[in-house]
PDB file of all heavy atoms in Angstrom:
ATOM      1  N   GLY A   1     -10.051 -10.698  -2.246  1.00  0.00           N
ATOM      2  CA  GLY A   1      -9.878 -11.780  -1.262  1.00  0.00           C
ATOM      3  C   GLY A   1      -8.535 -11.760  -0.563  1.00  0.00           C
ATOM      4  O   GLY A   1      -8.220 -12.706   0.190  1.00  0.00           O
ATOM      5  N   GLY A   2      -7.765 -10.679  -0.743  1.00  0.00           N
ATOM      6  CA  GLY A   2      -6.468 -10.614  -0.042  1.00  0.00           C
ATOM      7  C   GLY A   2      -6.629 -10.462   1.436  1.00  0.00           C
ATOM      8  O   GLY A   2      -7.601  -9.883   1.953  1.00  0.00           O
ATOM      9  N   THR A   3      -5.636 -10.951   2.189  1.00  0.00           N
ATOM     10  CA  THR A   3      -5.683 -10.832   3.653  1.00  0.00           C
ATOM     11  C   THR A   3      -5.626  -9.361   4.077  1.00  0.00           C
ATOM     12  O   THR A   3      -5.073  -8.530   3.372  1.00  0.00           O
ATOM     13  CB  THR A   3      -4.479 -11.590   4.245  1.00  0.00           C
ATOM     14  OG1 THR A   3      -4.451 -11.334   5.668  1.00  0.00           O
ATOM     15  CG2 THR A   3      -3.159 -11.064   3.664  1.00  0.00           C
ATOM     16  N   ASP A   4      -6.236  -9.091   5.252  1.00  0.00           N
ATOM     17  CA  ASP A   4      -6.144  -7.744   5.800  1.00  0.00           C
ATOM     18  C   ASP A   4      -4.925  -7.592   6.714  1.00  0.00           C
ATOM     19  O   ASP A   4      -4.786  -6.588   7.435  1.00  0.00           O
ATOM     20  CB  ASP A   4      -7.409  -7.301   6.471  1.00  0.00           C
ATOM     21  CG  ASP A   4      -7.751  -8.189   7.694  1.00  0.00           C
ATOM     22  OD1 ASP A   4      -7.024  -9.152   7.990  1.00  0.00           O
ATOM     23  OD2 ASP A   4      -8.755  -7.899   8.389  1.00  0.00           O
ATOM     24  N   ASN A   5      -4.037  -8.587   6.718  1.00  0.00           N
ATOM     25  CA  ASN A   5      -2.760  -8.490   7.445  1.00  0.00           C
ATOM     26  C   ASN A   5      -1.798  -7.642   6.609  1.00  0.00           C
ATOM     27  O   ASN A   5      -1.016  -8.168   5.818  1.00  0.00           O
ATOM     28  CB  ASN A   5      -2.162  -9.876   7.698  1.00  0.00           C
ATOM     29  CG  ASN A   5      -3.026 -10.694   8.623  1.00  0.00           C
ATOM     30  OD1 ASN A   5      -3.654 -10.177   9.532  1.00  0.00           O
ATOM     31  ND2 ASN A   5      -3.020 -12.019   8.417  1.00  0.00           N
ATOM     32  N   LEU A   6      -1.865  -6.356   6.770  1.00  0.00           N
ATOM     33  CA  LEU A   6      -1.099  -5.407   5.953  1.00  0.00           C
ATOM     34  C   LEU A   6       0.033  -4.830   6.779  1.00  0.00           C
ATOM     35  O   LEU A   6      -0.128  -4.418   7.920  1.00  0.00           O
ATOM     36  CB  LEU A   6      -1.970  -4.288   5.472  1.00  0.00           C
ATOM     37  CG  LEU A   6      -3.256  -4.638   4.689  1.00  0.00           C
ATOM     38  CD1 LEU A   6      -4.038  -3.403   4.341  1.00  0.00           C
ATOM     39  CD2 LEU A   6      -2.918  -5.415   3.435  1.00  0.00           C
ATOM     40  N   ILE A   7       1.225  -4.772   6.165  1.00  0.00           N
ATOM     41  CA  ILE A   7       2.362  -4.053   6.678  1.00  0.00           C
ATOM     42  C   ILE A   7       2.636  -2.943   5.644  1.00  0.00           C
ATOM     43  O   ILE A   7       2.869  -3.234   4.477  1.00  0.00           O
ATOM     44  CB  ILE A   7       3.615  -4.949   6.849  1.00  0.00           C
ATOM     45  CG1 ILE A   7       3.299  -6.177   7.712  1.00  0.00           C
ATOM     46  CG2 ILE A   7       4.755  -4.125   7.463  1.00  0.00           C
ATOM     47  CD1 ILE A   7       3.007  -5.868   9.152  1.00  0.00           C
ATOM     48  N   VAL A   8       2.662  -1.694   6.083  1.00  0.00           N
ATOM     49  CA  VAL A   8       2.760  -0.579   5.112  1.00  0.00           C
ATOM     50  C   VAL A   8       3.937   0.318   5.451  1.00  0.00           C
ATOM     51  O   VAL A   8       4.357   0.425   6.599  1.00  0.00           O
ATOM     52  CB  VAL A   8       1.480   0.233   5.048  1.00  0.00           C
ATOM     53  CG1 VAL A   8       0.303  -0.633   4.571  1.00  0.00           C
ATOM     54  CG2 VAL A   8       1.147   0.871   6.356  1.00  0.00           C
ATOM     55  N   ASN A   9       4.488   0.942   4.417  1.00  0.00           N
ATOM     56  CA  ASN A   9       5.618   1.853   4.601  1.00  0.00           C
ATOM     57  C   ASN A   9       5.197   3.172   5.210  1.00  0.00           C
ATOM     58  O   ASN A   9       4.004   3.476   5.295  1.00  0.00           O
ATOM     59  CB  ASN A   9       6.378   2.049   3.285  1.00  0.00           C
ATOM     60  CG  ASN A   9       5.612   2.922   2.328  1.00  0.00           C
ATOM     61  OD1 ASN A   9       4.476   2.611   1.954  1.00  0.00           O
ATOM     62  ND2 ASN A   9       6.247   4.015   1.866  1.00  0.00           N
ATOM     63  N   ASN A  10       6.144   4.020   5.506  1.00  0.00           N
ATOM     64  CA  ASN A  10       5.866   5.238   6.241  1.00  0.00           C
ATOM     65  C   ASN A  10       4.943   6.177   5.509  1.00  0.00           C
ATOM     66  O   ASN A  10       4.182   6.926   6.145  1.00  0.00           O
ATOM     67  CB  ASN A  10       7.176   5.947   6.568  1.00  0.00           C
ATOM     68  CG  ASN A  10       7.906   6.444   5.344  1.00  0.00           C
ATOM     69  OD1 ASN A  10       8.285   5.663   4.465  1.00  0.00           O
ATOM     70  ND2 ASN A  10       8.130   7.711   5.212  1.00  0.00           N
ATOM     71  N   SER A  11       4.979   6.205   4.155  1.00  0.00           N
ATOM     72  CA  SER A  11       4.143   7.177   3.421  1.00  0.00           C
ATOM     73  C   SER A  11       2.663   6.909   3.581  1.00  0.00           C
ATOM     74  O   SER A  11       1.835   7.808   3.307  1.00  0.00           O
ATOM     75  CB  SER A  11       4.528   7.128   1.927  1.00  0.00           C
ATOM     76  OG  SER A  11       5.875   7.464   1.731  1.00  0.00           O
ATOM     77  N   LEU A  12       2.301   5.709   3.992  1.00  0.00           N
ATOM     78  CA  LEU A  12       0.882   5.382   4.149  1.00  0.00           C
ATOM     79  C   LEU A  12       0.381   5.654   5.597  1.00  0.00           C
ATOM     80  O   LEU A  12      -0.759   5.361   5.895  1.00  0.00           O
ATOM     81  CB  LEU A  12       0.616   3.935   3.752  1.00  0.00           C
ATOM     82  CG  LEU A  12       0.906   3.607   2.298  1.00  0.00           C
ATOM     83  CD1 LEU A  12       0.544   2.174   1.966  1.00  0.00           C
ATOM     84  CD2 LEU A  12       0.086   4.565   1.369  1.00  0.00           C
ATOM     85  N   ARG A  13       1.222   6.228   6.390  1.00  0.00           N
ATOM     86  CA  ARG A  13       0.736   6.716   7.672  1.00  0.00           C
ATOM     87  C   ARG A  13       0.138   8.098   7.463  1.00  0.00           C
ATOM     88  O   ARG A  13       0.621   9.144   7.838  1.00  0.00           O
ATOM     89  CB  ARG A  13       1.917   6.811   8.658  1.00  0.00           C
ATOM     90  CG  ARG A  13       1.494   7.135  10.093  1.00  0.00           C
ATOM     91  CD  ARG A  13       2.700   7.139  11.020  1.00  0.00           C
ATOM     92  NE  ARG A  13       2.336   7.620  12.348  1.00  0.00           N
ATOM     93  CZ  ARG A  13       3.044   8.453  13.076  1.00  0.00           C
ATOM     94  NH1 ARG A  13       4.201   8.929  12.597  1.00  0.00           N
ATOM     95  NH2 ARG A  13       2.632   8.862  14.241  1.00  0.00           N
ATOM     96  N   SER A  14      -1.016   8.052   6.862  1.00  0.00           N
ATOM     97  CA  SER A  14      -1.647   9.265   6.307  1.00  0.00           C
ATOM     98  C   SER A  14      -3.164   9.184   6.456  1.00  0.00           C
ATOM     99  O   SER A  14      -3.783   8.174   6.052  1.00  0.00           O
ATOM    100  CB  SER A  14      -1.276   9.443   4.816  1.00  0.00           C
ATOM    101  OG  SER A  14      -2.148  10.347   4.178  1.00  0.00           O
ATOM    102  N   ASP A  15      -3.772  10.212   7.000  1.00  0.00           N
ATOM    103  CA  ASP A  15      -5.216  10.260   7.103  1.00  0.00           C
ATOM    104  C   ASP A  15      -5.887  10.164   5.775  1.00  0.00           C
ATOM    105  O   ASP A  15      -7.004   9.580   5.648  1.00  0.00           O
ATOM    106  CB  ASP A  15      -5.689  11.530   7.798  1.00  0.00           C
ATOM    107  CG  ASP A  15      -5.305  11.597   9.284  1.00  0.00           C
ATOM    108  OD1 ASP A  15      -5.069  10.518   9.880  1.00  0.00           O
ATOM    109  OD2 ASP A  15      -5.268  12.685   9.835  1.00  0.00           O
ATOM    110  N   ASP A  16      -5.251  10.648   4.723  1.00  0.00           N
ATOM    111  CA  ASP A  16      -5.848  10.584   3.373  1.00  0.00           C
ATOM    112  C   ASP A  16      -5.960   9.146   2.939  1.00  0.00           C
ATOM    113  O   ASP A  16      -6.975   8.734   2.330  1.00  0.00           O
ATOM    114  CB  ASP A  16      -5.000  11.364   2.352  1.00  0.00           C
ATOM    115  CG  ASP A  16      -4.890  12.826   2.698  1.00  0.00           C
ATOM    116  OD1 ASP A  16      -5.951  13.428   2.982  1.00  0.00           O
ATOM    117  OD2 ASP A  16      -3.793  13.402   2.638  1.00  0.00           O
ATOM    118  N   TYR A  17      -4.951   8.343   3.222  1.00  0.00           N
ATOM    119  CA  TYR A  17      -4.992   6.944   2.865  1.00  0.00           C
ATOM    120  C   TYR A  17      -6.060   6.196   3.696  1.00  0.00           C
ATOM    121  O   TYR A  17      -6.846   5.419   3.189  1.00  0.00           O
ATOM    122  CB  TYR A  17      -3.607   6.328   3.103  1.00  0.00           C
ATOM    123  CG  TYR A  17      -3.564   4.786   3.055  1.00  0.00           C
ATOM    124  CD1 TYR A  17      -3.721   4.148   1.815  1.00  0.00           C
ATOM    125  CD2 TYR A  17      -3.336   4.031   4.188  1.00  0.00           C
ATOM    126  CE1 TYR A  17      -3.639   2.731   1.743  1.00  0.00           C
ATOM    127  CE2 TYR A  17      -3.297   2.642   4.119  1.00  0.00           C
ATOM    128  CZ  TYR A  17      -3.453   2.003   2.919  1.00  0.00           C
ATOM    129  OH  TYR A  17      -3.400   0.651   2.830  1.00  0.00           O
ATOM    130  N   PHE A  18      -6.072   6.438   5.007  1.00  0.00           N
ATOM    131  CA  PHE A  18      -7.063   5.777   5.877  1.00  0.00           C
ATOM    132  C   PHE A  18      -8.497   6.040   5.413  1.00  0.00           C
ATOM    133  O   PHE A  18      -9.327   5.166   5.371  1.00  0.00           O
ATOM    134  CB  PHE A  18      -6.867   6.245   7.339  1.00  0.00           C
ATOM    135  CG  PHE A  18      -5.512   6.084   7.889  1.00  0.00           C
ATOM    136  CD1 PHE A  18      -5.075   6.962   8.890  1.00  0.00           C
ATOM    137  CD2 PHE A  18      -4.660   5.116   7.458  1.00  0.00           C
ATOM    138  CE1 PHE A  18      -3.797   6.823   9.417  1.00  0.00           C
ATOM    139  CE2 PHE A  18      -3.346   4.979   7.975  1.00  0.00           C
ATOM    140  CZ  PHE A  18      -2.939   5.884   8.983  1.00  0.00           C
ATOM    141  N   GLN A  19      -8.768   7.338   5.062  1.00  0.00           N
ATOM    142  CA  GLN A  19     -10.097   7.713   4.693  1.00  0.00           C
ATOM    143  C   GLN A  19     -10.480   7.148   3.350  1.00  0.00           C
ATOM    144  O   GLN A  19     -11.604   6.760   3.102  1.00  0.00           O
ATOM    145  CB  GLN A  19     -10.210   9.239   4.694  1.00  0.00           C
ATOM    146  CG  GLN A  19     -10.119   9.838   6.078  1.00  0.00           C
ATOM    147  CD  GLN A  19      -9.904  11.341   6.076  1.00  0.00           C
ATOM    148  OE1 GLN A  19      -9.985  11.999   5.018  1.00  0.00           O
ATOM    149  NE2 GLN A  19      -9.654  11.910   7.224  1.00  0.00           N
ATOM    150  N   ALA A  20      -9.506   7.116   2.417  1.00  0.00           N
ATOM    151  CA  ALA A  20      -9.779   6.618   1.070  1.00  0.00           C
ATOM    152  C   ALA A  20     -10.106   5.113   1.089  1.00  0.00           C
ATOM    153  O   ALA A  20     -10.947   4.643   0.297  1.00  0.00           O
ATOM    154  CB  ALA A  20      -8.588   6.878   0.138  1.00  0.00           C
ATOM    155  N   VAL A  21      -9.456   4.357   1.952  1.00  0.00           N
ATOM    156  CA  VAL A  21      -9.733   2.921   2.023  1.00  0.00           C
ATOM    157  C   VAL A  21     -10.919   2.662   2.971  1.00  0.00           C
ATOM    158  O   VAL A  21     -11.765   1.806   2.691  1.00  0.00           O
ATOM    159  CB  VAL A  21      -8.494   2.151   2.547  1.00  0.00           C
ATOM    160  CG1 VAL A  21      -8.808   0.651   2.729  1.00  0.00           C
ATOM    161  CG2 VAL A  21      -7.332   2.347   1.593  1.00  0.00           C
ATOM    162  N   GLY A  22     -10.984   3.376   4.051  1.00  0.00           N
ATOM    163  CA  GLY A  22     -11.986   3.127   5.121  1.00  0.00           C
ATOM    164  C   GLY A  22     -11.257   2.528   6.288  1.00  0.00           C
ATOM    165  O   GLY A  22     -10.771   1.375   6.191  1.00  0.00           O
ATOM    166  N   SER A  23     -11.147   3.236   7.405  1.00  0.00           N
ATOM    167  CA  SER A  23     -10.409   2.724   8.541  1.00  0.00           C
ATOM    168  C   SER A  23     -10.955   1.431   9.068  1.00  0.00           C
ATOM    169  O   SER A  23     -10.233   0.606   9.677  1.00  0.00           O
ATOM    170  CB  SER A  23     -10.369   3.785   9.655  1.00  0.00           C
ATOM    171  OG  SER A  23     -11.657   4.159  10.077  1.00  0.00           O
ATOM    172  N   GLN A  24     -12.255   1.162   8.873  1.00  0.00           N
ATOM    173  CA  GLN A  24     -12.872  -0.061   9.365  1.00  0.00           C
ATOM    174  C   GLN A  24     -12.251  -1.289   8.684  1.00  0.00           C
ATOM    175  O   GLN A  24     -12.296  -2.380   9.252  1.00  0.00           O
ATOM    176  CB  GLN A  24     -14.352  -0.022   9.161  1.00  0.00           C
ATOM    177  CG  GLN A  24     -14.857  -0.111   7.750  1.00  0.00           C
ATOM    178  CD  GLN A  24     -15.006   1.271   7.066  1.00  0.00           C
ATOM    179  OE1 GLN A  24     -14.272   2.192   7.446  1.00  0.00           O
ATOM    180  NE2 GLN A  24     -15.955   1.387   6.171  1.00  0.00           N
ATOM    181  N   PHE A  25     -11.653  -1.119   7.489  1.00  0.00           N
ATOM    182  CA  PHE A  25     -11.028  -2.229   6.783  1.00  0.00           C
ATOM    183  C   PHE A  25      -9.533  -2.356   7.091  1.00  0.00           C
ATOM    184  O   PHE A  25      -8.884  -3.284   6.548  1.00  0.00           O
ATOM    185  CB  PHE A  25     -11.224  -2.061   5.273  1.00  0.00           C
ATOM    186  CG  PHE A  25     -12.650  -1.923   4.848  1.00  0.00           C
ATOM    187  CD1 PHE A  25     -13.117  -0.733   4.295  1.00  0.00           C
ATOM    188  CD2 PHE A  25     -13.522  -2.982   4.997  1.00  0.00           C
ATOM    189  CE1 PHE A  25     -14.445  -0.600   3.911  1.00  0.00           C
ATOM    190  CE2 PHE A  25     -14.852  -2.876   4.599  1.00  0.00           C
ATOM    191  CZ  PHE A  25     -15.331  -1.675   4.053  1.00  0.00           C
ATOM    192  N   LEU A  26      -9.026  -1.487   7.923  1.00  0.00           N
ATOM    193  CA  LEU A  26      -7.600  -1.424   8.165  1.00  0.00           C
ATOM    194  C   LEU A  26      -7.183  -1.711   9.592  1.00  0.00           C
ATOM    195  O   LEU A  26      -6.131  -1.332  10.060  1.00  0.00           O
ATOM    196  CB  LEU A  26      -7.056  -0.056   7.760  1.00  0.00           C
ATOM    197  CG  LEU A  26      -7.237   0.367   6.318  1.00  0.00           C
ATOM    198  CD1 LEU A  26      -6.833   1.813   6.081  1.00  0.00           C
ATOM    199  CD2 LEU A  26      -6.446  -0.565   5.412  1.00  0.00           C
ATOM    200  N   GLN A  27      -8.088  -2.395  10.345  1.00  0.00           N
ATOM    201  CA  GLN A  27      -7.828  -2.633  11.723  1.00  0.00           C
ATOM    202  C   GLN A  27      -6.700  -3.624  11.997  1.00  0.00           C
ATOM    203  O   GLN A  27      -6.163  -3.669  13.108  1.00  0.00           O
ATOM    204  CB  GLN A  27      -9.096  -3.044  12.459  1.00  0.00           C
ATOM    205  CG  GLN A  27     -10.159  -1.923  12.471  1.00  0.00           C
ATOM    206  CD  GLN A  27      -9.674  -0.631  13.104  1.00  0.00           C
ATOM    207  OE1 GLN A  27      -9.351  -0.624  14.292  1.00  0.00           O
ATOM    208  NE2 GLN A  27      -9.621   0.454  12.344  1.00  0.00           N
ATOM    209  N   ASN A  28      -6.365  -4.440  11.028  1.00  0.00           N
ATOM    210  CA  ASN A  28      -5.244  -5.364  11.147  1.00  0.00           C
ATOM    211  C   ASN A  28      -3.966  -4.865  10.479  1.00  0.00           C
ATOM    212  O   ASN A  28      -2.948  -5.568  10.382  1.00  0.00           O
ATOM    213  CB  ASN A  28      -5.577  -6.778  10.619  1.00  0.00           C
ATOM    214  CG  ASN A  28      -6.489  -7.524  11.551  1.00  0.00           C
ATOM    215  OD1 ASN A  28      -6.519  -7.261  12.754  1.00  0.00           O
ATOM    216  ND2 ASN A  28      -7.216  -8.497  11.028  1.00  0.00           N
ATOM    217  N   MET A  29      -4.060  -3.643   9.973  1.00  0.00           N
ATOM    218  CA  MET A  29      -2.868  -3.028   9.333  1.00  0.00           C
ATOM    219  C   MET A  29      -1.866  -2.554  10.384  1.00  0.00           C
ATOM    220  O   MET A  29      -2.261  -2.094  11.470  1.00  0.00           O
ATOM    221  CB  MET A  29      -3.304  -1.839   8.499  1.00  0.00           C
ATOM    222  CG  MET A  29      -2.169  -1.030   7.876  1.00  0.00           C
ATOM    223  SD  MET A  29      -2.751   0.427   6.997  1.00  0.00           S
ATOM    224  CE  MET A  29      -3.419   1.384   8.413  1.00  0.00           C
ATOM    225  N   GLN A  30      -0.572  -2.702  10.061  1.00  0.00           N
ATOM    226  CA  GLN A  30       0.487  -2.173  10.890  1.00  0.00           C
ATOM    227  C   GLN A  30       1.476  -1.441  10.024  1.00  0.00           C
ATOM    228  O   GLN A  30       1.602  -1.725   8.809  1.00  0.00           O
ATOM    229  CB  GLN A  30       1.217  -3.279  11.627  1.00  0.00           C
ATOM    230  CG  GLN A  30       0.345  -4.107  12.555  1.00  0.00           C
ATOM    231  CD  GLN A  30       1.151  -5.219  13.191  1.00  0.00           C
ATOM    232  OE1 GLN A  30       1.865  -4.998  14.192  1.00  0.00           O
ATOM    233  NE2 GLN A  30       1.049  -6.417  12.622  1.00  0.00           N
ATOM    234  N   GLY A  31       2.173  -0.476  10.579  1.00  0.00           N
ATOM    235  CA  GLY A  31       3.138   0.241   9.801  1.00  0.00           C
ATOM    236  C   GLY A  31       4.304   0.706  10.654  1.00  0.00           C
ATOM    237  O   GLY A  31       4.375   0.453  11.853  1.00  0.00           O
ATOM    238  N   TYR A  32       5.230   1.391  10.020  1.00  0.00           N
ATOM    239  CA  TYR A  32       6.397   1.927  10.725  1.00  0.00           C
ATOM    240  C   TYR A  32       6.655   3.328  10.238  1.00  0.00           C
ATOM    241  O   TYR A  32       6.162   3.744   9.169  1.00  0.00           O
ATOM    242  CB  TYR A  32       7.678   1.043  10.494  1.00  0.00           C
ATOM    243  CG  TYR A  32       8.019   0.941   9.045  1.00  0.00           C
ATOM    244  CD1 TYR A  32       8.739   1.969   8.440  1.00  0.00           C
ATOM    245  CD2 TYR A  32       7.632  -0.106   8.262  1.00  0.00           C
ATOM    246  CE1 TYR A  32       9.076   1.879   7.049  1.00  0.00           C
ATOM    247  CE2 TYR A  32       7.965  -0.210   6.919  1.00  0.00           C
ATOM    248  CZ  TYR A  32       8.691   0.776   6.341  1.00  0.00           C
ATOM    249  OH  TYR A  32       8.998   0.763   4.988  1.00  0.00           O
ATOM    250  N   ASP A  33       7.439   4.052  10.960  1.00  0.00           N
ATOM    251  CA  ASP A  33       7.850   5.407  10.533  1.00  0.00           C
ATOM    252  C   ASP A  33       9.058   5.794  11.365  1.00  0.00           C
ATOM    253  O   ASP A  33       9.390   5.128  12.385  1.00  0.00           O
ATOM    254  CB  ASP A  33       6.690   6.411  10.760  1.00  0.00           C
ATOM    255  CG  ASP A  33       6.829   7.662   9.919  1.00  0.00           C
ATOM    256  OD1 ASP A  33       7.868   7.861   9.285  1.00  0.00           O
ATOM    257  OD2 ASP A  33       5.871   8.458   9.907  1.00  0.00           O
ATOM    258  N   SER A  34       9.730   6.868  10.944  1.00  0.00           N
ATOM    259  CA  SER A  34      10.733   7.423  11.851  1.00  0.00           C
ATOM    260  C   SER A  34      10.014   7.936  13.106  1.00  0.00           C
ATOM    261  O   SER A  34       8.917   8.492  13.010  1.00  0.00           O
ATOM    262  CB  SER A  34      11.453   8.606  11.192  1.00  0.00           C
ATOM    263  OG  SER A  34      12.349   8.124  10.208  1.00  0.00           O
ATOM    264  N   ALA A  35      10.606   7.722  14.243  1.00  0.00           N
ATOM    265  CA  ALA A  35       9.954   8.061  15.489  1.00  0.00           C
ATOM    266  C   ALA A  35      10.425   9.455  15.927  1.00  0.00           C
ATOM    267  O   ALA A  35      11.488   9.950  15.547  1.00  0.00           O
ATOM    268  CB  ALA A  35      10.304   7.062  16.574  1.00  0.00           C
ATOM    269  N   GLN A  36       9.592  10.069  16.731  1.00  0.00           N
ATOM    270  CA  GLN A  36      10.010  11.322  17.369  1.00  0.00           C
ATOM    271  C   GLN A  36      10.782  10.964  18.611  1.00  0.00           C
ATOM    272  O   GLN A  36      10.288  10.314  19.516  1.00  0.00           O
ATOM    273  CB  GLN A  36       8.715  12.110  17.745  1.00  0.00           C
ATOM    274  CG  GLN A  36       7.860  12.473  16.565  1.00  0.00           C
ATOM    275  CD  GLN A  36       6.533  13.098  16.977  1.00  0.00           C
ATOM    276  OE1 GLN A  36       6.413  13.604  18.081  1.00  0.00           O
ATOM    277  NE2 GLN A  36       5.554  13.104  16.091  1.00  0.00           N
ATOM    278  N   PRO A  37      12.056  11.416  18.694  1.00  0.00           N
ATOM    279  CA  PRO A  37      12.805  11.192  19.920  1.00  0.00           C
ATOM    280  C   PRO A  37      12.090  11.789  21.124  1.00  0.00           C
ATOM    281  O   PRO A  37      11.329  12.754  21.006  1.00  0.00           O
ATOM    282  CB  PRO A  37      14.140  11.902  19.644  1.00  0.00           C
ATOM    283  CG  PRO A  37      14.187  12.064  18.175  1.00  0.00           C
ATOM    284  CD  PRO A  37      12.792  12.195  17.710  1.00  0.00           C
ATOM    285  N   ARG A  38      12.351  11.193  22.284  1.00  0.00           N
ATOM    286  CA  ARG A  38      11.729  11.642  23.485  1.00  0.00           C
ATOM    287  C   ARG A  38      12.489  12.853  24.002  1.00  0.00           C
ATOM    288  O   ARG A  38      13.251  12.745  24.961  1.00  0.00           O
ATOM    289  CB  ARG A  38      11.686  10.535  24.530  1.00  0.00           C
ATOM    290  CG  ARG A  38      10.565   9.552  24.424  1.00  0.00           C
ATOM    291  CD  ARG A  38      10.238   9.008  23.060  1.00  0.00           C
ATOM    292  NE  ARG A  38       9.185   7.961  23.111  1.00  0.00           N
ATOM    293  CZ  ARG A  38       8.616   7.446  22.073  1.00  0.00           C
ATOM    294  NH1 ARG A  38       8.967   7.853  20.865  1.00  0.00           N
ATOM    295  NH2 ARG A  38       7.678   6.493  22.200  1.00  0.00           N
ATOM    296  N   LEU A  39      12.292  13.980  23.351  1.00  0.00           N
ATOM    297  CA  LEU A  39      13.040  15.208  23.643  1.00  0.00           C
ATOM    298  C   LEU A  39      12.132  16.422  23.774  1.00  0.00           C
ATOM    299  O   LEU A  39      11.101  16.480  23.033  1.00  0.00           O
ATOM    300  CB  LEU A  39      14.121  15.443  22.597  1.00  0.00           C
ATOM    301  CG  LEU A  39      15.273  14.483  22.468  1.00  0.00           C
ATOM    302  CD1 LEU A  39      16.085  14.797  21.204  1.00  0.00           C
ATOM    303  CD2 LEU A  39      16.112  14.529  23.713  1.00  0.00           C
ATOM    304  N   PRO A  40      12.452  17.389  24.583  1.00  0.00           N
ATOM    305  CA  PRO A  40      11.634  18.591  24.700  1.00  0.00           C
ATOM    306  C   PRO A  40      11.490  19.362  23.373  1.00  0.00           C
ATOM    307  O   PRO A  40      10.488  19.970  23.112  1.00  0.00           O
ATOM    308  CB  PRO A  40      12.360  19.437  25.742  1.00  0.00           C
ATOM    309  CG  PRO A  40      13.098  18.449  26.581  1.00  0.00           C
ATOM    310  CD  PRO A  40      13.505  17.365  25.605  1.00  0.00           C
ATOM    311  N   SER A  41      12.546  19.316  22.540  1.00  0.00           N
ATOM    312  CA  SER A  41      12.486  20.049  21.266  1.00  0.00           C
ATOM    313  C   SER A  41      11.379  19.498  20.370  1.00  0.00           C
ATOM    314  O   SER A  41      10.744  20.263  19.633  1.00  0.00           O
ATOM    315  CB  SER A  41      13.831  19.965  20.524  1.00  0.00           C
ATOM    316  OG  SER A  41      14.090  18.635  20.097  1.00  0.00           O
ATOM    317  N   VAL A  42      11.160  18.194  20.422  1.00  0.00           N
ATOM    318  CA  VAL A  42      10.122  17.566  19.583  1.00  0.00           C
ATOM    319  C   VAL A  42       8.763  17.962  20.140  1.00  0.00           C
ATOM    320  O   VAL A  42       7.843  18.313  19.377  1.00  0.00           O
ATOM    321  CB  VAL A  42      10.287  16.050  19.602  1.00  0.00           C
ATOM    322  CG1 VAL A  42       9.213  15.419  18.738  1.00  0.00           C
ATOM    323  CG2 VAL A  42      11.674  15.654  19.080  1.00  0.00           C
ATOM    324  N   ASP A  43       8.598  17.956  21.427  1.00  0.00           N
ATOM    325  CA  ASP A  43       7.352  18.347  22.068  1.00  0.00           C
ATOM    326  C   ASP A  43       7.042  19.814  21.708  1.00  0.00           C
ATOM    327  O   ASP A  43       5.900  20.156  21.458  1.00  0.00           O
ATOM    328  CB  ASP A  43       7.406  18.169  23.581  1.00  0.00           C
ATOM    329  CG  ASP A  43       7.542  16.710  23.993  1.00  0.00           C
ATOM    330  OD1 ASP A  43       7.142  15.819  23.216  1.00  0.00           O
ATOM    331  OD2 ASP A  43       8.060  16.480  25.120  1.00  0.00           O
TER     332      ASP A  43
END
């Protein structure tokens, strides 16, 4: 019965996690991660 308002750390930005839980249950989940700078080297 826990809320689906989830805030998760960077390690859970993972397809393995999404698939194991079911993405349909994670539509209110939000997370953060280190961002890719807007630079040609990243692209």
